[in-house]
């Protein structure tokens, strides 16, 4: 069961690292990300937080997955 949990955590980490940066590129290219003056909007900020948290979860998942594999 420990190996299963470790693999699941590593798959989660890989998925997040692959998907979220590509999503971030689309957010930054979206016209709603900046106002007429070029300032960042709430749309930009909310998505920055979303992507940052997702990548933080990916890092924690990778560390936990490797930790489980090494200890198990």
N, C-alpha and C. Protein backbone atom coordinates (compact mmCIF):
# COMPACT_ATOMS: atom_id res chain seq x y z
N UNK A 1 0.81 -1.19 0.00
CA UNK A 1 0.00 0.00 0.00
C UNK A 1 0.86 1.27 0.00
N UNK A 2 2.02 1.18 0.64
CA UNK A 2 2.92 2.33 0.69
C UNK A 2 3.44 2.66 -0.70
N UNK A 3 3.77 1.66 -1.46
CA UNK A 3 4.27 1.90 -2.83
C UNK A 3 3.16 2.52 -3.68
N UNK A 4 1.95 2.04 -3.52
CA UNK A 4 0.82 2.60 -4.25
C UNK A 4 0.65 4.09 -3.93
N UNK A 5 0.70 4.44 -2.65
CA UNK A 5 0.57 5.84 -2.23
C UNK A 5 1.71 6.68 -2.80
N UNK A 6 2.91 6.14 -2.78
CA UNK A 6 4.07 6.87 -3.30
C UNK A 6 3.92 7.12 -4.79
N UNK A 7 3.50 6.12 -5.53
CA UNK A 7 3.32 6.27 -6.98
C UNK A 7 2.20 7.27 -7.27
N UNK A 8 1.13 7.21 -6.52
CA UNK A 8 0.03 8.15 -6.69
C UNK A 8 0.48 9.59 -6.44
N UNK A 9 1.27 9.80 -5.40
CA UNK A 9 1.80 11.13 -5.11
C UNK A 9 2.72 11.62 -6.22
N UNK A 10 3.54 10.74 -6.75
CA UNK A 10 4.46 11.13 -7.83
C UNK A 10 3.69 11.43 -9.12
N UNK A 11 2.67 10.66 -9.40
CA UNK A 11 1.84 10.94 -10.59
C UNK A 11 1.16 12.30 -10.43
N UNK A 12 0.67 12.58 -9.24
CA UNK A 12 0.05 13.88 -8.96
C UNK A 12 1.06 15.01 -9.20
N UNK A 13 2.27 14.84 -8.73
CA UNK A 13 3.30 15.87 -8.90
C UNK A 13 3.62 16.08 -10.38
N UNK A 14 3.78 15.01 -11.11
CA UNK A 14 4.09 15.12 -12.54
C UNK A 14 2.94 15.80 -13.28
N UNK A 15 1.73 15.40 -12.98
CA UNK A 15 0.56 16.00 -13.63
C UNK A 15 0.53 17.52 -13.40
N UNK A 16 0.70 17.92 -12.16
CA UNK A 16 0.66 19.35 -11.84
C UNK A 16 1.78 20.12 -12.53
N UNK A 17 2.97 19.54 -12.59
CA UNK A 17 4.09 20.23 -13.23
C UNK A 17 3.89 20.33 -14.74
N UNK A 18 3.20 19.39 -15.33
CA UNK A 18 2.95 19.43 -16.78
C UNK A 18 1.79 20.37 -17.12
N UNK A 19 0.71 20.30 -16.37
CA UNK A 19 -0.52 21.00 -16.73
C UNK A 19 -0.49 22.48 -16.36
N UNK A 20 -0.13 22.82 -15.14
CA UNK A 20 -0.30 24.18 -14.66
C UNK A 20 0.57 25.22 -15.37
N UNK A 21 1.81 24.96 -15.69
CA UNK A 21 2.56 25.98 -16.44
C UNK A 21 1.95 26.28 -17.81
N UNK A 22 1.41 25.28 -18.47
CA UNK A 22 0.74 25.50 -19.75
C UNK A 22 -0.51 26.35 -19.57
N UNK A 23 -1.24 26.10 -18.49
CA UNK A 23 -2.41 26.90 -18.17
C UNK A 23 -2.00 28.34 -17.88
N UNK A 24 -0.90 28.52 -17.15
CA UNK A 24 -0.42 29.85 -16.81
C UNK A 24 -0.10 30.66 -18.07
N UNK A 25 0.47 30.00 -19.06
CA UNK A 25 0.77 30.67 -20.33
C UNK A 25 -0.51 31.21 -20.95
N UNK A 26 -1.58 30.42 -20.92
CA UNK A 26 -2.85 30.87 -21.47
C UNK A 26 -3.43 32.03 -20.67
N UNK A 27 -3.25 32.00 -19.35
CA UNK A 27 -3.75 33.09 -18.51
C UNK A 27 -3.02 34.39 -18.84
N UNK A 28 -1.71 34.35 -18.96
CA UNK A 28 -0.96 35.57 -19.23
C UNK A 28 -1.26 36.13 -20.62
N UNK A 29 -1.64 35.29 -21.55
CA UNK A 29 -2.01 35.74 -22.89
C UNK A 29 -3.45 36.23 -22.98
N UNK A 30 -4.25 35.95 -21.96
CA UNK A 30 -5.66 36.33 -21.96
C UNK A 30 -5.79 37.85 -21.81
N UNK A 31 -6.66 38.48 -22.60
CA UNK A 31 -6.83 39.93 -22.50
C UNK A 31 -7.38 40.39 -21.14
N UNK A 32 -8.02 39.48 -20.40
CA UNK A 32 -8.55 39.85 -19.08
C UNK A 32 -7.46 39.97 -18.02
N UNK A 33 -6.24 39.53 -18.35
CA UNK A 33 -5.15 39.55 -17.37
C UNK A 33 -4.62 40.96 -17.12
N UNK A 34 -4.82 41.86 -18.05
CA UNK A 34 -4.34 43.23 -17.90
C UNK A 34 -5.44 44.21 -18.32
N UNK A 35 -5.45 45.36 -17.66
CA UNK A 35 -6.44 46.38 -18.03
C UNK A 35 -5.90 47.24 -19.18
N UNK A 36 -6.63 48.28 -19.52
CA UNK A 36 -6.25 49.13 -20.65
C UNK A 36 -4.90 49.81 -20.43
N UNK A 37 -4.55 50.07 -19.18
CA UNK A 37 -3.28 50.73 -18.87
C UNK A 37 -2.12 49.74 -18.77
N UNK A 38 -2.42 48.45 -18.87
CA UNK A 38 -1.38 47.43 -18.80
C UNK A 38 -1.14 46.88 -17.40
N UNK A 39 -1.92 47.35 -16.43
CA UNK A 39 -1.77 46.86 -15.06
C UNK A 39 -2.42 45.48 -14.92
N UNK A 40 -1.84 44.68 -14.03
CA UNK A 40 -2.39 43.35 -13.78
C UNK A 40 -3.75 43.46 -13.08
N UNK A 41 -4.67 42.60 -13.50
CA UNK A 41 -6.03 42.63 -12.95
C UNK A 41 -6.20 41.56 -11.88
N UNK A 42 -7.38 41.56 -11.28
CA UNK A 42 -7.72 40.54 -10.30
C UNK A 42 -7.72 39.16 -10.95
N UNK A 43 -8.15 39.08 -12.17
CA UNK A 43 -8.11 37.82 -12.94
C UNK A 43 -6.69 37.24 -12.91
N UNK A 44 -5.72 38.07 -13.19
CA UNK A 44 -4.31 37.66 -13.19
C UNK A 44 -3.89 37.19 -11.80
N UNK A 45 -4.21 37.99 -10.79
CA UNK A 45 -3.79 37.68 -9.42
C UNK A 45 -4.40 36.38 -8.91
N UNK A 46 -5.69 36.20 -9.15
CA UNK A 46 -6.36 34.97 -8.70
C UNK A 46 -5.73 33.75 -9.35
N UNK A 47 -5.45 33.82 -10.63
CA UNK A 47 -4.86 32.68 -11.32
C UNK A 47 -3.40 32.47 -10.92
N UNK A 48 -2.69 33.54 -10.60
CA UNK A 48 -1.33 33.40 -10.08
C UNK A 48 -1.33 32.62 -8.77
N UNK A 49 -2.26 32.94 -7.89
CA UNK A 49 -2.37 32.21 -6.62
C UNK A 49 -2.75 30.75 -6.88
N UNK A 50 -3.69 30.52 -7.76
CA UNK A 50 -4.13 29.16 -8.10
C UNK A 50 -2.97 28.31 -8.62
N UNK A 51 -2.23 28.84 -9.56
CA UNK A 51 -1.12 28.10 -10.15
C UNK A 51 -0.01 27.90 -9.12
N UNK A 52 0.27 28.92 -8.32
CA UNK A 52 1.31 28.81 -7.29
C UNK A 52 0.99 27.73 -6.27
N UNK A 53 -0.26 27.69 -5.82
CA UNK A 53 -0.66 26.67 -4.85
C UNK A 53 -0.59 25.28 -5.48
N UNK A 54 -1.01 25.15 -6.72
CA UNK A 54 -0.95 23.86 -7.40
C UNK A 54 0.49 23.37 -7.53
N UNK A 55 1.41 24.28 -7.85
CA UNK A 55 2.81 23.87 -7.97
C UNK A 55 3.43 23.58 -6.61
N UNK A 56 2.99 24.28 -5.58
CA UNK A 56 3.45 23.97 -4.23
C UNK A 56 2.98 22.57 -3.82
N UNK A 57 1.74 22.25 -4.14
CA UNK A 57 1.22 20.90 -3.87
C UNK A 57 2.03 19.86 -4.64
N UNK A 58 2.42 20.19 -5.87
CA UNK A 58 3.24 19.26 -6.66
C UNK A 58 4.58 19.00 -5.97
N UNK A 59 5.20 20.04 -5.44
CA UNK A 59 6.48 19.88 -4.76
C UNK A 59 6.31 19.02 -3.51
N UNK A 60 5.28 19.31 -2.72
CA UNK A 60 5.03 18.54 -1.51
C UNK A 60 4.71 17.08 -1.86
N UNK A 61 3.94 16.87 -2.91
CA UNK A 61 3.61 15.50 -3.34
C UNK A 61 4.85 14.75 -3.77
N UNK A 62 5.72 15.41 -4.51
CA UNK A 62 6.95 14.75 -4.96
C UNK A 62 7.84 14.38 -3.78
N UNK A 63 7.98 15.29 -2.84
CA UNK A 63 8.80 15.02 -1.65
C UNK A 63 8.21 13.87 -0.85
N UNK A 64 6.90 13.90 -0.65
CA UNK A 64 6.24 12.82 0.10
C UNK A 64 6.34 11.49 -0.64
N UNK A 65 6.16 11.51 -1.95
CA UNK A 65 6.25 10.27 -2.73
C UNK A 65 7.64 9.67 -2.67
N UNK A 66 8.65 10.48 -2.85
CA UNK A 66 10.03 9.98 -2.76
C UNK A 66 10.32 9.52 -1.34
N UNK A 67 9.85 10.26 -0.36
CA UNK A 67 10.06 9.85 1.03
C UNK A 67 9.43 8.51 1.33
N UNK A 68 8.25 8.27 0.81
CA UNK A 68 7.59 6.97 1.02
C UNK A 68 8.35 5.84 0.32
N UNK A 69 8.85 6.11 -0.87
CA UNK A 69 9.60 5.07 -1.59
C UNK A 69 10.91 4.74 -0.87
N UNK A 70 11.57 5.75 -0.36
CA UNK A 70 12.86 5.53 0.33
C UNK A 70 12.64 4.81 1.66
N UNK A 71 11.60 5.20 2.40
CA UNK A 71 11.38 4.61 3.72
C UNK A 71 10.69 3.24 3.65
N UNK A 72 9.98 3.01 2.54
CA UNK A 72 9.19 1.77 2.46
C UNK A 72 9.94 0.72 1.79
